[in-house]
N, C-alpha and C. Protein backbone atom coordinates (compact mmCIF):
# COMPACT_ATOMS: atom_id res chain seq x y z
N UNK A 1 73.67 86.98 114.40
CA UNK A 1 74.79 86.12 114.75
C UNK A 1 75.28 85.40 113.50
N UNK A 2 76.58 85.32 113.34
CA UNK A 2 77.17 84.62 112.21
C UNK A 2 77.14 83.13 112.50
N UNK A 3 76.48 82.38 111.65
CA UNK A 3 76.35 80.94 111.83
C UNK A 3 77.23 80.21 110.82
N UNK A 4 78.51 80.57 110.81
CA UNK A 4 79.48 79.92 109.93
C UNK A 4 80.65 79.45 110.78
N UNK A 5 81.29 78.36 110.35
CA UNK A 5 82.45 77.85 111.07
C UNK A 5 83.75 78.49 110.60
N UNK A 6 83.70 79.16 109.45
CA UNK A 6 84.89 79.77 108.85
C UNK A 6 84.52 81.14 108.30
N UNK A 7 85.52 82.00 108.14
CA UNK A 7 85.28 83.32 107.56
C UNK A 7 84.87 83.18 106.10
N UNK A 8 84.21 84.22 105.60
CA UNK A 8 83.69 84.19 104.24
C UNK A 8 83.90 85.55 103.58
N UNK A 9 84.36 85.52 102.33
CA UNK A 9 84.48 86.73 101.53
C UNK A 9 83.51 86.61 100.37
N UNK A 10 82.65 87.60 100.22
CA UNK A 10 81.68 87.66 99.13
C UNK A 10 82.09 88.81 98.23
N UNK A 11 82.20 88.53 96.93
CA UNK A 11 82.64 89.56 95.99
C UNK A 11 81.57 89.84 94.94
N UNK A 12 81.26 91.13 94.77
CA UNK A 12 80.36 91.57 93.70
C UNK A 12 81.13 91.48 92.39
N UNK A 13 80.47 91.00 91.35
CA UNK A 13 81.12 90.87 90.04
C UNK A 13 80.59 91.96 89.10
N UNK A 14 81.13 91.99 87.89
CA UNK A 14 80.65 92.95 86.89
C UNK A 14 79.19 92.68 86.52
N UNK A 15 78.76 91.43 86.67
CA UNK A 15 77.37 91.05 86.38
C UNK A 15 76.56 91.22 87.67
N UNK A 16 75.59 92.13 87.71
CA UNK A 16 74.84 92.37 88.94
C UNK A 16 74.00 91.17 89.40
N UNK A 17 73.92 90.14 88.56
CA UNK A 17 73.15 88.95 88.91
C UNK A 17 73.99 87.89 89.63
N UNK A 18 75.30 88.09 89.72
CA UNK A 18 76.16 87.07 90.31
C UNK A 18 77.15 87.65 91.30
N UNK A 19 77.36 86.91 92.36
CA UNK A 19 78.37 87.19 93.38
C UNK A 19 79.21 85.93 93.53
N UNK A 20 80.50 86.11 93.75
CA UNK A 20 81.36 84.98 94.05
C UNK A 20 81.66 84.96 95.53
N UNK A 21 81.97 83.79 96.06
CA UNK A 21 82.36 83.73 97.47
C UNK A 21 83.42 82.65 97.67
N UNK A 22 84.20 82.84 98.73
CA UNK A 22 85.21 81.85 99.12
C UNK A 22 85.55 82.06 100.58
N UNK A 23 86.22 81.08 101.15
CA UNK A 23 86.66 81.19 102.53
C UNK A 23 88.18 81.22 102.58
N UNK A 24 88.76 82.25 103.19
CA UNK A 24 90.21 82.29 103.33
C UNK A 24 90.71 81.25 104.35
N UNK A 25 89.80 80.69 105.14
CA UNK A 25 90.15 79.71 106.16
C UNK A 25 90.07 78.27 105.65
N UNK A 26 89.38 78.06 104.53
CA UNK A 26 89.05 76.71 104.08
C UNK A 26 89.48 76.55 102.63
N UNK A 27 90.70 76.05 102.43
CA UNK A 27 91.25 75.90 101.08
C UNK A 27 90.30 75.16 100.14
N UNK A 28 90.16 75.71 98.95
CA UNK A 28 89.37 75.05 97.91
C UNK A 28 87.88 75.31 97.98
N UNK A 29 87.42 76.04 98.98
CA UNK A 29 85.98 76.30 99.11
C UNK A 29 85.61 77.58 98.39
N UNK A 30 84.81 77.46 97.33
CA UNK A 30 84.34 78.61 96.56
C UNK A 30 82.92 78.34 96.10
N UNK A 31 82.26 79.39 95.64
CA UNK A 31 80.93 79.23 95.09
C UNK A 31 80.43 80.53 94.48
N UNK A 32 79.23 80.47 93.94
CA UNK A 32 78.58 81.65 93.38
C UNK A 32 77.14 81.70 93.86
N UNK A 33 76.60 82.90 93.89
CA UNK A 33 75.21 83.09 94.27
C UNK A 33 74.63 84.26 93.51
N UNK A 34 73.32 84.41 93.60
CA UNK A 34 72.62 85.49 92.89
C UNK A 34 72.43 86.73 93.76
N UNK A 35 72.76 86.63 95.05
CA UNK A 35 72.64 87.76 95.97
C UNK A 35 73.56 87.48 97.16
N UNK A 36 73.75 88.48 97.99
CA UNK A 36 74.55 88.28 99.20
C UNK A 36 73.88 87.23 100.08
N UNK A 37 72.57 87.30 100.21
CA UNK A 37 71.84 86.34 101.02
C UNK A 37 71.97 84.93 100.47
N UNK A 38 71.91 84.79 99.15
CA UNK A 38 72.07 83.49 98.51
C UNK A 38 73.47 82.93 98.79
N UNK A 39 74.48 83.78 98.73
CA UNK A 39 75.85 83.35 99.02
C UNK A 39 75.96 82.86 100.47
N UNK A 40 75.37 83.60 101.40
CA UNK A 40 75.42 83.19 102.80
C UNK A 40 74.76 81.84 103.01
N UNK A 41 73.61 81.64 102.39
CA UNK A 41 72.90 80.37 102.52
C UNK A 41 73.72 79.23 101.93
N UNK A 42 74.24 79.43 100.72
CA UNK A 42 75.03 78.38 100.06
C UNK A 42 76.33 78.11 100.83
N UNK A 43 76.94 79.13 101.35
CA UNK A 43 78.20 78.96 102.09
C UNK A 43 77.97 78.18 103.38
N UNK A 44 76.88 78.48 104.05
CA UNK A 44 76.59 77.80 105.31
C UNK A 44 76.54 76.29 105.12
N UNK A 45 75.80 75.84 104.13
CA UNK A 45 75.67 74.40 103.88
C UNK A 45 76.87 73.86 103.12
N UNK A 46 77.42 74.65 102.23
CA UNK A 46 78.57 74.21 101.44
C UNK A 46 79.81 73.97 102.27
N UNK A 47 80.03 74.80 103.29
CA UNK A 47 81.19 74.60 104.16
C UNK A 47 81.11 73.26 104.86
N UNK A 48 79.92 72.92 105.32
CA UNK A 48 79.74 71.63 106.01
C UNK A 48 80.01 70.47 105.06
N UNK A 49 79.50 70.57 103.85
CA UNK A 49 79.73 69.52 102.86
C UNK A 49 81.21 69.43 102.49
N UNK A 50 81.86 70.57 102.35
CA UNK A 50 83.28 70.61 102.00
C UNK A 50 84.11 69.92 103.08
N UNK A 51 83.82 70.22 104.34
CA UNK A 51 84.54 69.60 105.46
C UNK A 51 84.28 68.09 105.47
N UNK A 52 83.05 67.67 105.22
CA UNK A 52 82.73 66.24 105.16
C UNK A 52 83.53 65.55 104.06
N UNK A 53 83.66 66.20 102.90
CA UNK A 53 84.44 65.62 101.80
C UNK A 53 85.93 65.54 102.15
N UNK A 54 86.45 66.56 102.82
CA UNK A 54 87.85 66.51 103.25
C UNK A 54 88.08 65.33 104.18
N UNK A 55 87.19 65.19 105.15
CA UNK A 55 87.31 64.07 106.11
C UNK A 55 87.22 62.73 105.40
N UNK A 56 86.25 62.60 104.49
CA UNK A 56 86.06 61.34 103.77
C UNK A 56 87.28 60.99 102.93
N UNK A 57 87.98 62.01 102.44
CA UNK A 57 89.17 61.80 101.64
C UNK A 57 90.45 61.68 102.45
N UNK A 58 90.31 61.72 103.77
CA UNK A 58 91.47 61.62 104.64
C UNK A 58 92.37 62.84 104.59
N UNK A 59 91.82 63.95 104.19
CA UNK A 59 92.58 65.19 104.09
C UNK A 59 92.44 66.01 105.37
N UNK A 60 93.41 66.88 105.66
CA UNK A 60 93.32 67.67 106.89
C UNK A 60 92.17 68.68 106.82
N UNK A 61 91.54 68.86 107.96
CA UNK A 61 90.44 69.83 108.09
C UNK A 61 90.93 70.95 109.01
N UNK A 62 90.91 72.19 108.53
CA UNK A 62 91.36 73.28 109.40
C UNK A 62 90.41 73.44 110.60
N UNK A 63 90.95 73.88 111.72
CA UNK A 63 90.08 74.09 112.89
C UNK A 63 89.06 75.20 112.61
N UNK A 64 87.92 75.11 113.28
CA UNK A 64 86.90 76.15 113.17
C UNK A 64 87.51 77.49 113.57
N UNK A 65 87.05 78.53 112.93
CA UNK A 65 87.47 79.88 113.29
C UNK A 65 86.59 80.33 114.45
N UNK A 66 87.18 80.62 115.61
CA UNK A 66 86.35 81.01 116.76
C UNK A 66 85.67 82.37 116.59
N UNK A 67 86.16 83.14 115.64
CA UNK A 67 85.59 84.46 115.41
C UNK A 67 85.50 84.73 113.91
N UNK A 68 84.62 83.96 113.20
CA UNK A 68 84.54 84.12 111.75
C UNK A 68 84.00 85.50 111.36
N UNK A 69 84.47 85.98 110.23
CA UNK A 69 84.03 87.29 109.71
C UNK A 69 83.47 87.10 108.32
N UNK A 70 82.59 88.00 107.97
CA UNK A 70 82.06 88.04 106.61
C UNK A 70 82.44 89.39 106.03
N UNK A 71 83.11 89.36 104.88
CA UNK A 71 83.53 90.57 104.19
C UNK A 71 82.83 90.60 102.84
N UNK A 72 82.19 91.71 102.54
CA UNK A 72 81.54 91.90 101.24
C UNK A 72 82.30 93.00 100.53
N UNK A 73 82.79 92.70 99.34
CA UNK A 73 83.63 93.66 98.62
C UNK A 73 83.43 93.49 97.12
N UNK A 74 83.98 94.43 96.36
CA UNK A 74 84.02 94.28 94.92
C UNK A 74 85.03 93.20 94.56
N UNK A 75 84.81 92.56 93.45
CA UNK A 75 85.70 91.50 92.97
C UNK A 75 87.11 92.06 92.77
N UNK A 76 88.10 91.35 93.28
CA UNK A 76 89.48 91.75 93.07
C UNK A 76 89.94 91.17 91.74
N UNK A 77 90.37 92.04 90.86
CA UNK A 77 90.84 91.61 89.54
C UNK A 77 92.35 91.57 89.53
N UNK A 78 92.88 90.54 88.87
CA UNK A 78 94.32 90.42 88.75
C UNK A 78 94.83 91.40 87.72
N UNK A 79 95.94 92.03 88.03
CA UNK A 79 96.55 92.97 87.09
C UNK A 79 97.19 92.18 85.95
N UNK A 80 96.99 92.64 84.74
CA UNK A 80 97.57 91.99 83.57
C UNK A 80 98.82 92.76 83.18
N UNK A 81 99.91 92.05 83.08
CA UNK A 81 101.19 92.71 82.77
C UNK A 81 101.38 92.88 81.28
């Protein structure tokens, strides 16, 4: 069972020791981990802390996603013109 309030995207980087993650549902929420499992653990607690900080700052908090998804993919690189 997914125990997250928001969807999560985990991206493999060129460095096999690091993964990046972010939530498309929760603006400004990002992080890094050493494995997919590490990212999931950090995201679970980090999302809660992020929402607490938004509330403390009087900023809007997006509603929980009733059907959050986790996507694991390769890092998307921006094209250089």
